[in-house]
């Protein structure tokens, strides 16, 4: 039997750089957050989506996904690490993926390939550049939860070390910080099809 793995999606932020609420932006026939969830849904047993700003809108968009449960982070204004803690505290599987919700074109094969890697922390790379998601072993959760609130996940990962897995999917690098990013990803979906994943 395959090892169980869960997903944690961070979707609580304010979208302060994109002018519009980016998680709900349409990409073809789905929203940004739906596409993020669908990239991992076949690989994981459960997906925890951490919400805060516009929580009810996210909950409506994801209501049809049986594997998804939302977690309200009332401290989302304190930064992303508060959402990391809120999400991973619910994980019960031996491993979990962590991904920001504004990464909508990560292919399902990325999640599957990462599972084959050994190591407590696994990061995918494309042409030498590190991306998302990050795969963790769950025995690290108590240590992460004990980190000071001012810590960043990047600092924690750097302190622990990690292994990398090369993937042929530029989607691991593509997020939506600005409306220009959004337009570029929309064009990618037009070029590569509904999933925006280059085959």
N, C-alpha and C. Protein backbone atom coordinates (compact mmCIF):
# COMPACT_ATOMS: atom_id res chain seq x y z
N UNK A 1 0.84 -1.20 0.00
CA UNK A 1 0.00 0.00 0.00
C UNK A 1 0.88 1.25 0.00
N UNK A 2 0.51 2.25 -0.82
CA UNK A 2 1.29 3.47 -0.92
C UNK A 2 1.24 4.25 0.39
N UNK A 3 2.34 4.92 0.68
CA UNK A 3 2.41 5.75 1.89
C UNK A 3 1.40 6.89 1.79
N UNK A 4 0.66 7.12 2.85
CA UNK A 4 -0.28 8.24 2.86
C UNK A 4 0.46 9.57 2.91
N UNK A 5 -0.08 10.53 2.20
CA UNK A 5 0.49 11.88 2.21
C UNK A 5 -0.68 12.86 2.14
N UNK A 6 -0.54 13.97 2.82
CA UNK A 6 -1.56 15.01 2.80
C UNK A 6 -0.99 16.28 2.17
N UNK A 7 -1.86 17.21 1.87
CA UNK A 7 -1.45 18.49 1.31
C UNK A 7 -1.91 19.63 2.18
N UNK A 8 -1.08 20.67 2.28
CA UNK A 8 -1.44 21.91 2.96
C UNK A 8 -1.28 23.04 1.95
N UNK A 9 -2.36 23.76 1.71
CA UNK A 9 -2.36 24.87 0.75
C UNK A 9 -2.57 26.17 1.51
N UNK A 10 -1.70 27.13 1.28
CA UNK A 10 -1.76 28.42 1.97
C UNK A 10 -2.53 29.41 1.11
N UNK A 11 -3.71 29.80 1.59
CA UNK A 11 -4.59 30.67 0.80
C UNK A 11 -5.23 31.75 1.66
N UNK A 12 -4.51 32.23 2.66
CA UNK A 12 -5.11 33.17 3.62
C UNK A 12 -4.72 34.62 3.40
N UNK A 13 -3.78 34.88 2.48
CA UNK A 13 -3.20 36.21 2.37
C UNK A 13 -4.09 37.25 1.73
N UNK A 14 -3.59 38.49 1.73
CA UNK A 14 -4.38 39.65 1.31
C UNK A 14 -4.27 39.97 -0.18
N UNK A 15 -3.39 39.30 -0.94
CA UNK A 15 -3.18 39.62 -2.36
C UNK A 15 -2.78 41.08 -2.53
N UNK A 16 -1.91 41.56 -1.68
CA UNK A 16 -1.61 43.00 -1.63
C UNK A 16 -0.90 43.51 -2.88
N UNK A 17 -0.24 42.61 -3.63
CA UNK A 17 0.51 43.06 -4.80
C UNK A 17 -0.24 42.87 -6.12
N UNK A 18 -1.38 42.19 -6.11
CA UNK A 18 -2.03 41.87 -7.37
C UNK A 18 -3.25 42.73 -7.68
N UNK A 19 -3.66 43.60 -6.76
CA UNK A 19 -4.79 44.54 -6.95
C UNK A 19 -6.15 43.85 -6.92
N UNK A 20 -6.24 42.60 -7.30
CA UNK A 20 -7.49 41.84 -7.22
C UNK A 20 -7.22 40.60 -6.38
N UNK A 21 -8.29 39.98 -5.87
CA UNK A 21 -8.11 38.80 -5.02
C UNK A 21 -7.69 37.63 -5.89
N UNK A 22 -6.42 37.27 -5.82
CA UNK A 22 -5.85 36.37 -6.82
C UNK A 22 -6.34 34.95 -6.73
N UNK A 23 -6.69 34.45 -5.56
CA UNK A 23 -7.10 33.05 -5.45
C UNK A 23 -8.37 32.75 -6.25
N UNK A 24 -9.22 33.78 -6.42
CA UNK A 24 -10.49 33.59 -7.12
C UNK A 24 -10.42 34.00 -8.59
N UNK A 25 -9.27 34.46 -9.06
CA UNK A 25 -9.17 34.86 -10.46
C UNK A 25 -9.42 33.66 -11.36
N UNK A 26 -10.14 33.86 -12.48
CA UNK A 26 -10.42 32.74 -13.37
C UNK A 26 -9.23 32.40 -14.27
N UNK A 27 -8.99 31.11 -14.41
CA UNK A 27 -8.02 30.60 -15.37
C UNK A 27 -8.74 29.54 -16.19
N UNK A 28 -9.24 29.92 -17.35
CA UNK A 28 -10.09 29.01 -18.09
C UNK A 28 -11.39 28.79 -17.34
N UNK A 29 -11.73 27.53 -17.12
CA UNK A 29 -13.01 27.21 -16.48
C UNK A 29 -12.90 27.02 -14.98
N UNK A 30 -11.73 27.33 -14.39
CA UNK A 30 -11.55 27.17 -12.95
C UNK A 30 -10.83 28.39 -12.39
N UNK A 31 -10.87 28.53 -11.08
CA UNK A 31 -10.15 29.61 -10.41
C UNK A 31 -8.71 29.19 -10.12
N UNK A 32 -7.90 30.15 -9.73
CA UNK A 32 -6.51 29.88 -9.36
C UNK A 32 -6.44 28.84 -8.26
N UNK A 33 -7.22 29.00 -7.19
CA UNK A 33 -7.13 28.06 -6.07
C UNK A 33 -7.62 26.67 -6.46
N UNK A 34 -8.62 26.57 -7.32
CA UNK A 34 -9.07 25.25 -7.77
C UNK A 34 -7.98 24.54 -8.55
N UNK A 35 -7.29 25.26 -9.41
CA UNK A 35 -6.22 24.63 -10.19
C UNK A 35 -5.07 24.18 -9.29
N UNK A 36 -4.78 24.95 -8.26
CA UNK A 36 -3.74 24.55 -7.32
C UNK A 36 -4.12 23.24 -6.64
N UNK A 37 -5.34 23.15 -6.16
CA UNK A 37 -5.83 21.94 -5.48
C UNK A 37 -5.84 20.75 -6.43
N UNK A 38 -6.27 20.96 -7.67
CA UNK A 38 -6.40 19.84 -8.60
C UNK A 38 -5.05 19.26 -8.99
N UNK A 39 -3.98 20.04 -8.89
CA UNK A 39 -2.66 19.49 -9.19
C UNK A 39 -2.27 18.37 -8.26
N UNK A 40 -2.71 18.42 -7.01
CA UNK A 40 -2.30 17.42 -6.02
C UNK A 40 -3.38 16.42 -5.65
N UNK A 41 -4.61 16.66 -6.08
CA UNK A 41 -5.75 15.92 -5.50
C UNK A 41 -5.65 14.41 -5.70
N UNK A 42 -5.04 13.95 -6.79
CA UNK A 42 -4.95 12.51 -7.03
C UNK A 42 -3.81 11.85 -6.26
N UNK A 43 -2.92 12.63 -5.68
CA UNK A 43 -1.75 12.10 -4.98
C UNK A 43 -1.96 12.01 -3.48
N UNK A 44 -2.85 12.83 -2.95
CA UNK A 44 -2.98 12.96 -1.50
C UNK A 44 -4.28 12.37 -0.98
N UNK A 45 -4.30 12.09 0.32
CA UNK A 45 -5.52 11.57 0.96
C UNK A 45 -6.41 12.69 1.48
N UNK A 46 -5.81 13.84 1.76
CA UNK A 46 -6.57 14.98 2.29
C UNK A 46 -5.81 16.26 1.96
N UNK A 47 -6.57 17.34 1.76
CA UNK A 47 -5.97 18.65 1.48
C UNK A 47 -6.51 19.65 2.49
N UNK A 48 -5.62 20.24 3.25
CA UNK A 48 -5.98 21.29 4.20
C UNK A 48 -5.69 22.64 3.55
N UNK A 49 -6.71 23.45 3.35
CA UNK A 49 -6.55 24.77 2.75
C UNK A 49 -6.72 25.82 3.84
N UNK A 50 -5.66 26.56 4.10
CA UNK A 50 -5.69 27.57 5.16
C UNK A 50 -6.24 28.87 4.57
N UNK A 51 -7.33 29.35 5.14
CA UNK A 51 -7.99 30.55 4.63
C UNK A 51 -7.99 31.64 5.70
N UNK A 52 -8.20 32.86 5.25
CA UNK A 52 -8.25 34.00 6.16
C UNK A 52 -9.01 35.12 5.48
N UNK A 53 -8.30 35.93 4.69
CA UNK A 53 -8.92 36.95 3.87
C UNK A 53 -9.83 36.28 2.83
N UNK A 54 -11.05 36.78 2.69
CA UNK A 54 -12.02 36.24 1.72
C UNK A 54 -12.27 34.74 1.95
N UNK A 55 -12.30 34.32 3.20
CA UNK A 55 -12.43 32.89 3.52
C UNK A 55 -13.68 32.27 2.92
N UNK A 56 -14.81 32.95 3.00
CA UNK A 56 -16.06 32.36 2.51
C UNK A 56 -16.02 32.14 1.01
N UNK A 57 -15.37 33.02 0.29
CA UNK A 57 -15.26 32.85 -1.16
C UNK A 57 -14.46 31.61 -1.50
N UNK A 58 -13.35 31.40 -0.81
CA UNK A 58 -12.54 30.19 -1.03
C UNK A 58 -13.35 28.94 -0.68
N UNK A 59 -14.06 28.99 0.42
CA UNK A 59 -14.85 27.83 0.84
C UNK A 59 -15.91 27.48 -0.20
N UNK A 60 -16.52 28.48 -0.82
CA UNK A 60 -17.51 28.21 -1.88
C UNK A 60 -16.84 27.58 -3.10
N UNK A 61 -15.70 28.11 -3.48
CA UNK A 61 -15.01 27.59 -4.66
C UNK A 61 -14.57 26.14 -4.49
N UNK A 62 -14.25 25.75 -3.26
CA UNK A 62 -13.70 24.41 -3.02
C UNK A 62 -14.71 23.43 -2.44
N UNK A 63 -15.96 23.83 -2.33
CA UNK A 63 -16.97 22.98 -1.68
C UNK A 63 -17.17 21.65 -2.38
N UNK A 64 -16.89 21.57 -3.67
CA UNK A 64 -17.16 20.33 -4.41
C UNK A 64 -16.04 19.30 -4.29
N UNK A 65 -14.95 19.65 -3.66
CA UNK A 65 -13.82 18.72 -3.55
C UNK A 65 -13.91 17.96 -2.23
N UNK A 66 -14.15 16.66 -2.33
CA UNK A 66 -14.35 15.84 -1.12
C UNK A 66 -13.13 15.79 -0.21
N UNK A 67 -11.95 15.86 -0.79
CA UNK A 67 -10.73 15.74 0.01
C UNK A 67 -10.32 17.04 0.70
N UNK A 68 -10.98 18.13 0.37
CA UNK A 68 -10.56 19.44 0.88
C UNK A 68 -11.30 19.79 2.17
N UNK A 69 -10.53 20.25 3.16
CA UNK A 69 -11.10 20.88 4.35
C UNK A 69 -10.40 22.21 4.55
N UNK A 70 -11.17 23.23 4.90
CA UNK A 70 -10.57 24.55 5.11
C UNK A 70 -10.32 24.79 6.60
N UNK A 71 -9.28 25.56 6.86
CA UNK A 71 -8.89 25.93 8.22
C UNK A 71 -8.84 27.45 8.27
N UNK A 72 -9.60 28.05 9.15
CA UNK A 72 -9.60 29.51 9.26
C UNK A 72 -8.44 29.96 10.15
N UNK A 73 -7.54 30.73 9.58
CA UNK A 73 -6.44 31.33 10.34
C UNK A 73 -6.81 32.77 10.67
N UNK A 74 -7.23 33.01 11.88
CA UNK A 74 -7.64 34.36 12.28
C UNK A 74 -6.45 35.30 12.43
N UNK A 75 -5.24 34.73 12.39
CA UNK A 75 -4.02 35.54 12.55
C UNK A 75 -3.31 35.75 11.21
N UNK A 76 -4.03 35.63 10.11
CA UNK A 76 -3.38 35.67 8.80
C UNK A 76 -2.64 36.97 8.53
N UNK A 77 -3.07 38.07 9.15
CA UNK A 77 -2.39 39.35 8.94
C UNK A 77 -0.99 39.36 9.54
N UNK A 78 -0.67 38.39 10.37
CA UNK A 78 0.66 38.32 10.99
C UNK A 78 1.70 37.69 10.08
N UNK A 79 1.27 37.22 8.91
CA UNK A 79 2.23 36.69 7.96
C UNK A 79 2.01 35.23 7.63
N UNK A 80 2.72 34.78 6.59
CA UNK A 80 2.50 33.44 6.06
C UNK A 80 2.84 32.34 7.06
N UNK A 81 3.82 32.58 7.93
CA UNK A 81 4.22 31.50 8.84
C UNK A 81 3.10 31.14 9.80
N UNK A 82 2.23 32.11 10.11
CA UNK A 82 1.07 31.78 10.95
C UNK A 82 0.14 30.81 10.24
N UNK A 83 0.04 30.93 8.92
CA UNK A 83 -0.79 30.00 8.15
C UNK A 83 -0.12 28.63 8.02
N UNK A 84 1.20 28.64 7.88
CA UNK A 84 1.93 27.36 7.86
C UNK A 84 1.62 26.58 9.14
N UNK A 85 1.74 27.24 10.27
CA UNK A 85 1.49 26.57 11.56
C UNK A 85 0.05 26.08 11.67
N UNK A 86 -0.90 26.91 11.25
CA UNK A 86 -2.31 26.51 11.33
C UNK A 86 -2.59 25.28 10.48
N UNK A 87 -1.96 25.20 9.32
CA UNK A 87 -2.20 24.08 8.43
C UNK A 87 -1.54 22.80 8.86
N UNK A 88 -0.26 22.86 9.18
CA UNK A 88 0.46 21.62 9.49
C UNK A 88 0.02 21.02 10.81
N UNK A 89 -0.57 21.82 11.68
CA UNK A 89 -1.06 21.29 12.96
C UNK A 89 -2.16 20.25 12.76
N UNK A 90 -2.81 20.25 11.60
CA UNK A 90 -3.89 19.30 11.32
C UNK A 90 -3.41 18.01 10.66
N UNK A 91 -2.19 18.01 10.16
CA UNK A 91 -1.70 16.87 9.37
C UNK A 91 -1.54 15.63 10.25
N UNK A 92 -1.98 14.49 9.71
CA UNK A 92 -1.85 13.22 10.43
C UNK A 92 -1.08 12.17 9.61
N UNK A 93 -0.87 12.41 8.35
CA UNK A 93 -0.15 11.46 7.50
C UNK A 93 1.35 11.56 7.76
N UNK A 94 2.12 10.54 7.36
CA UNK A 94 3.57 10.56 7.60
C UNK A 94 4.32 11.66 6.84
N UNK A 95 3.74 12.11 5.71
CA UNK A 95 4.38 13.16 4.92
C UNK A 95 3.30 14.15 4.47
N UNK A 96 3.74 15.35 4.13
CA UNK A 96 2.78 16.33 3.61
C UNK A 96 3.48 17.29 2.66
N UNK A 97 2.73 17.72 1.65
CA UNK A 97 3.16 18.78 0.76
C UNK A 97 2.71 20.12 1.32
N UNK A 98 3.51 21.13 1.10
CA UNK A 98 3.14 22.50 1.46
C UNK A 98 3.30 23.36 0.21
N UNK A 99 2.23 24.08 -0.16
CA UNK A 99 2.29 24.88 -1.38
C UNK A 99 1.44 26.14 -1.21
N UNK A 100 1.93 27.27 -1.68
CA UNK A 100 1.08 28.47 -1.70
C UNK A 100 -0.04 28.30 -2.73
N UNK A 101 -1.20 28.83 -2.42
CA UNK A 101 -2.35 28.65 -3.30
C UNK A 101 -2.27 29.40 -4.60
N UNK A 102 -1.29 30.29 -4.75
CA UNK A 102 -1.17 31.04 -6.00
C UNK A 102 -0.21 30.39 -6.99
N UNK A 103 0.00 29.09 -6.86
CA UNK A 103 0.78 28.30 -7.82
C UNK A 103 -0.18 27.36 -8.56
N UNK A 104 -0.82 27.82 -9.63
CA UNK A 104 -1.92 27.06 -10.23
C UNK A 104 -1.56 26.10 -11.35
N UNK A 105 -0.30 26.03 -11.76
CA UNK A 105 0.02 25.17 -12.91
C UNK A 105 1.13 24.17 -12.58
N UNK A 106 1.15 23.66 -11.37
CA UNK A 106 2.05 22.56 -11.02
C UNK A 106 1.39 21.27 -11.47
N UNK A 107 2.08 20.50 -12.31
CA UNK A 107 1.49 19.29 -12.85
C UNK A 107 1.41 18.16 -11.83
N UNK A 108 0.41 17.29 -11.96
CA UNK A 108 0.27 16.15 -11.05
C UNK A 108 1.51 15.27 -11.00
N UNK A 109 2.23 15.18 -12.12
CA UNK A 109 3.43 14.33 -12.16
C UNK A 109 4.52 14.85 -11.22
N UNK A 110 4.52 16.14 -10.93
CA UNK A 110 5.51 16.69 -9.99
C UNK A 110 5.30 16.09 -8.60
N UNK A 111 4.05 16.10 -8.15
CA UNK A 111 3.73 15.53 -6.83
C UNK A 111 4.10 14.05 -6.78
N UNK A 112 3.77 13.32 -7.83
CA UNK A 112 4.07 11.89 -7.85
C UNK A 112 5.57 11.63 -7.83
N UNK A 113 6.31 12.40 -8.60
CA UNK A 113 7.76 12.20 -8.67
C UNK A 113 8.44 12.50 -7.34
N UNK A 114 7.99 13.51 -6.66
CA UNK A 114 8.62 13.88 -5.39
C UNK A 114 8.47 12.80 -4.33
N UNK A 115 7.39 12.04 -4.40
CA UNK A 115 7.18 10.98 -3.40
C UNK A 115 8.28 9.93 -3.43
N UNK A 116 8.94 9.79 -4.56
CA UNK A 116 9.99 8.78 -4.67
C UNK A 116 11.31 9.20 -4.08
N UNK A 117 11.42 10.42 -3.60
CA UNK A 117 12.68 10.93 -3.06
C UNK A 117 12.79 10.67 -1.57
N UNK A 118 14.00 10.34 -1.13
CA UNK A 118 14.26 10.20 0.30
C UNK A 118 14.61 11.57 0.87
N UNK A 119 14.50 11.69 2.17
CA UNK A 119 14.86 12.95 2.82
C UNK A 119 13.70 13.52 3.60
N UNK A 120 14.03 14.26 4.65
CA UNK A 120 12.99 14.87 5.47
C UNK A 120 12.30 16.03 4.76
N UNK A 121 13.04 16.73 3.91
CA UNK A 121 12.50 17.86 3.16
C UNK A 121 12.93 17.70 1.70
N UNK A 122 11.96 17.74 0.81
CA UNK A 122 12.22 17.54 -0.62
C UNK A 122 11.69 18.75 -1.39
N UNK A 123 12.54 19.30 -2.26
CA UNK A 123 12.18 20.48 -3.04
C UNK A 123 12.38 20.17 -4.52
N UNK A 124 11.41 20.48 -5.39
CA UNK A 124 11.59 20.26 -6.82
C UNK A 124 12.41 21.38 -7.45
N UNK A 125 13.14 21.05 -8.51
CA UNK A 125 13.88 22.07 -9.25
C UNK A 125 13.57 21.95 -10.73
N UNK A 126 13.63 23.08 -11.40
CA UNK A 126 13.49 23.14 -12.86
C UNK A 126 14.63 24.00 -13.38
N UNK A 127 15.48 23.39 -14.20
CA UNK A 127 16.65 24.09 -14.75
C UNK A 127 17.47 24.75 -13.64
N UNK A 128 17.62 24.03 -12.54
CA UNK A 128 18.46 24.48 -11.44
C UNK A 128 17.80 25.44 -10.47
N UNK A 129 16.55 25.82 -10.72
CA UNK A 129 15.85 26.75 -9.83
C UNK A 129 14.86 26.01 -8.95
N UNK A 130 14.88 26.32 -7.65
CA UNK A 130 13.99 25.66 -6.70
C UNK A 130 12.58 26.24 -6.79
N UNK A 131 11.58 25.36 -6.62
CA UNK A 131 10.19 25.81 -6.69
C UNK A 131 9.32 25.16 -5.64
N UNK A 132 8.05 25.08 -5.94
CA UNK A 132 7.04 24.49 -5.07
C UNK A 132 6.37 23.33 -5.79
N UNK A 133 5.80 22.40 -5.00
CA UNK A 133 5.60 22.35 -3.55
C UNK A 133 6.86 21.89 -2.81
N UNK A 134 6.81 21.95 -1.49
CA UNK A 134 7.84 21.34 -0.65
C UNK A 134 7.21 20.16 0.06
N UNK A 135 7.92 19.04 0.08
CA UNK A 135 7.43 17.82 0.73
C UNK A 135 8.19 17.61 2.03
N UNK A 136 7.45 17.48 3.12
CA UNK A 136 8.05 17.32 4.46
C UNK A 136 7.67 15.98 5.06
N UNK A 137 8.55 15.45 5.90
CA UNK A 137 8.16 14.35 6.79
C UNK A 137 7.52 14.95 8.04
N UNK A 138 6.46 14.33 8.47
CA UNK A 138 5.63 14.94 9.51
C UNK A 138 6.26 14.94 10.89
N UNK A 139 7.33 14.17 11.09
CA UNK A 139 7.98 14.23 12.41
C UNK A 139 8.62 15.60 12.66
N UNK A 140 8.72 16.43 11.60
CA UNK A 140 9.25 17.78 11.76
C UNK A 140 8.20 18.76 12.29
N UNK A 141 6.94 18.38 12.29
CA UNK A 141 5.87 19.33 12.63
C UNK A 141 6.05 19.95 14.02
N UNK A 142 6.30 19.17 15.08
CA UNK A 142 6.46 19.82 16.40
C UNK A 142 7.56 20.86 16.42
N UNK A 143 8.64 20.58 15.71
CA UNK A 143 9.75 21.54 15.67
C UNK A 143 9.36 22.81 14.93
N UNK A 144 8.62 22.66 13.82
CA UNK A 144 8.17 23.84 13.08
C UNK A 144 7.20 24.66 13.92
N UNK A 145 6.28 23.99 14.60
CA UNK A 145 5.31 24.70 15.43
C UNK A 145 5.98 25.47 16.57
N UNK A 146 7.14 24.99 17.00
CA UNK A 146 7.86 25.63 18.10
C UNK A 146 8.70 26.83 17.66
N UNK A 147 8.82 27.05 16.35
CA UNK A 147 9.62 28.17 15.86
C UNK A 147 8.97 29.50 16.22
N UNK A 148 9.77 30.53 16.50
CA UNK A 148 9.20 31.86 16.78
C UNK A 148 8.38 32.36 15.60
N UNK A 149 7.36 33.16 15.87
CA UNK A 149 6.48 33.63 14.81
C UNK A 149 7.21 34.46 13.77
N UNK A 150 8.30 35.08 14.14
CA UNK A 150 9.05 35.88 13.17
C UNK A 150 9.88 35.06 12.20
N UNK A 151 9.96 33.77 12.41
CA UNK A 151 10.72 32.89 11.54
C UNK A 151 10.04 32.80 10.18
N UNK A 152 10.84 32.56 9.14
CA UNK A 152 10.26 32.24 7.84
C UNK A 152 10.51 30.76 7.55
N UNK A 153 9.66 30.19 6.74
CA UNK A 153 9.84 28.78 6.37
C UNK A 153 11.15 28.59 5.62
N UNK A 154 11.52 29.58 4.84
CA UNK A 154 12.78 29.50 4.10
C UNK A 154 13.95 29.37 5.07
N UNK A 155 13.93 30.15 6.13
CA UNK A 155 15.01 30.07 7.13
C UNK A 155 15.04 28.69 7.78
N UNK A 156 13.86 28.18 8.10
CA UNK A 156 13.80 26.87 8.74
C UNK A 156 14.36 25.79 7.82
N UNK A 157 13.94 25.80 6.57
CA UNK A 157 14.41 24.80 5.61
C UNK A 157 15.92 24.89 5.44
N UNK A 158 16.43 26.11 5.36
CA UNK A 158 17.88 26.28 5.20
C UNK A 158 18.64 25.72 6.40
N UNK A 159 18.06 25.84 7.58
CA UNK A 159 18.73 25.35 8.79
C UNK A 159 18.73 23.82 8.87
N UNK A 160 17.73 23.19 8.25
CA UNK A 160 17.60 21.73 8.33
C UNK A 160 18.31 21.01 7.19
N UNK A 161 18.40 21.67 6.05
CA UNK A 161 18.89 20.99 4.86
C UNK A 161 17.77 20.30 4.12
N UNK A 162 18.00 19.96 2.86
CA UNK A 162 16.95 19.38 2.03
C UNK A 162 17.58 18.64 0.86
N UNK A 163 16.79 17.83 0.21
CA UNK A 163 17.20 17.20 -1.04
C UNK A 163 16.35 17.78 -2.16
N UNK A 164 16.88 17.74 -3.37
CA UNK A 164 16.16 18.27 -4.52
C UNK A 164 15.82 17.15 -5.50
N UNK A 165 14.74 17.37 -6.22
CA UNK A 165 14.31 16.46 -7.28
C UNK A 165 14.11 17.28 -8.54
N UNK A 166 14.82 16.92 -9.59
CA UNK A 166 14.66 17.64 -10.86
C UNK A 166 13.38 17.21 -11.55
N UNK A 167 12.60 18.18 -12.00
CA UNK A 167 11.36 17.90 -12.74
C UNK A 167 11.36 18.72 -14.02
N UNK A 168 10.64 18.22 -15.01
CA UNK A 168 10.53 18.94 -16.28
C UNK A 168 9.20 19.69 -16.32
N UNK A 169 9.04 20.61 -15.41
CA UNK A 169 7.79 21.36 -15.30
C UNK A 169 8.08 22.75 -14.76
N UNK A 170 8.05 23.73 -15.64
CA UNK A 170 8.30 25.11 -15.23
C UNK A 170 7.22 25.62 -14.28
N UNK A 171 6.09 24.93 -14.22
CA UNK A 171 5.00 25.35 -13.35
C UNK A 171 5.38 25.44 -11.89
N UNK A 172 6.42 24.73 -11.46
CA UNK A 172 6.85 24.80 -10.06
C UNK A 172 7.39 26.18 -9.70
N UNK A 173 7.74 26.97 -10.72
CA UNK A 173 8.31 28.30 -10.49
C UNK A 173 7.29 29.42 -10.66
N UNK A 174 6.11 29.10 -11.18
CA UNK A 174 5.17 30.13 -11.63
C UNK A 174 4.10 30.40 -10.59
N UNK A 175 4.12 31.61 -10.04
CA UNK A 175 3.08 32.02 -9.10
C UNK A 175 2.47 33.33 -9.57
N UNK A 176 1.45 33.77 -8.87
CA UNK A 176 0.75 35.00 -9.24
C UNK A 176 0.95 36.03 -8.14
N UNK A 177 1.93 36.90 -8.35
CA UNK A 177 2.14 38.02 -7.43
C UNK A 177 1.53 39.30 -7.97
N UNK A 178 1.46 39.41 -9.31
CA UNK A 178 0.96 40.62 -9.95
C UNK A 178 -0.02 40.24 -11.05
N UNK A 179 -0.75 41.22 -11.56
CA UNK A 179 -1.66 40.95 -12.67
C UNK A 179 -0.89 40.58 -13.94
N UNK A 180 0.36 41.02 -14.04
CA UNK A 180 1.19 40.61 -15.18
C UNK A 180 1.49 39.11 -15.10
N UNK A 181 1.77 38.62 -13.88
CA UNK A 181 1.96 37.18 -13.70
C UNK A 181 0.70 36.42 -14.10
N UNK A 182 -0.42 36.93 -13.69
CA UNK A 182 -1.72 36.30 -14.02
C UNK A 182 -1.92 36.22 -15.52
N UNK A 183 -1.65 37.31 -16.23
CA UNK A 183 -1.81 37.32 -17.68
C UNK A 183 -0.88 36.30 -18.34
N UNK A 184 0.35 36.18 -17.83
CA UNK A 184 1.30 35.23 -18.40
C UNK A 184 0.83 33.80 -18.21
N UNK A 185 0.26 33.50 -17.05
CA UNK A 185 -0.23 32.14 -16.80
C UNK A 185 -1.48 31.86 -17.63
N UNK A 186 -2.33 32.84 -17.83
CA UNK A 186 -3.48 32.65 -18.72
C UNK A 186 -3.02 32.32 -20.13
N UNK A 187 -1.99 33.01 -20.60
CA UNK A 187 -1.45 32.72 -21.94
C UNK A 187 -0.86 31.32 -21.99
N UNK A 188 -0.24 30.90 -20.91
CA UNK A 188 0.33 29.55 -20.86
C UNK A 188 -0.77 28.50 -20.99
N UNK A 189 -1.89 28.72 -20.31
CA UNK A 189 -3.00 27.77 -20.38
C UNK A 189 -3.56 27.72 -21.79
N UNK A 190 -3.62 28.86 -22.46
CA UNK A 190 -4.06 28.87 -23.86
C UNK A 190 -3.10 28.08 -24.74
N UNK A 191 -1.79 28.19 -24.45
CA UNK A 191 -0.78 27.53 -25.27
C UNK A 191 -0.70 26.03 -25.03
N UNK A 192 -0.80 25.61 -23.76
CA UNK A 192 -0.56 24.21 -23.41
C UNK A 192 -1.82 23.43 -23.07
N UNK A 193 -2.97 24.10 -23.12
CA UNK A 193 -4.21 23.38 -22.83
C UNK A 193 -4.76 23.73 -21.47
N UNK A 194 -5.79 23.01 -21.07
CA UNK A 194 -6.57 23.36 -19.88
C UNK A 194 -5.74 23.40 -18.61
N UNK A 195 -4.73 22.55 -18.51
CA UNK A 195 -3.95 22.47 -17.28
C UNK A 195 -2.77 23.43 -17.24
N UNK A 196 -2.41 24.01 -18.39
CA UNK A 196 -1.26 24.90 -18.41
C UNK A 196 0.04 24.19 -18.16
N UNK A 197 0.06 22.87 -18.35
CA UNK A 197 1.24 22.06 -18.08
C UNK A 197 1.85 21.63 -19.39
N UNK A 198 3.12 21.95 -19.58
CA UNK A 198 3.81 21.59 -20.82
C UNK A 198 4.11 20.10 -20.82
N UNK A 199 3.71 19.42 -21.87
CA UNK A 199 3.94 17.97 -21.95
C UNK A 199 5.14 17.65 -22.82
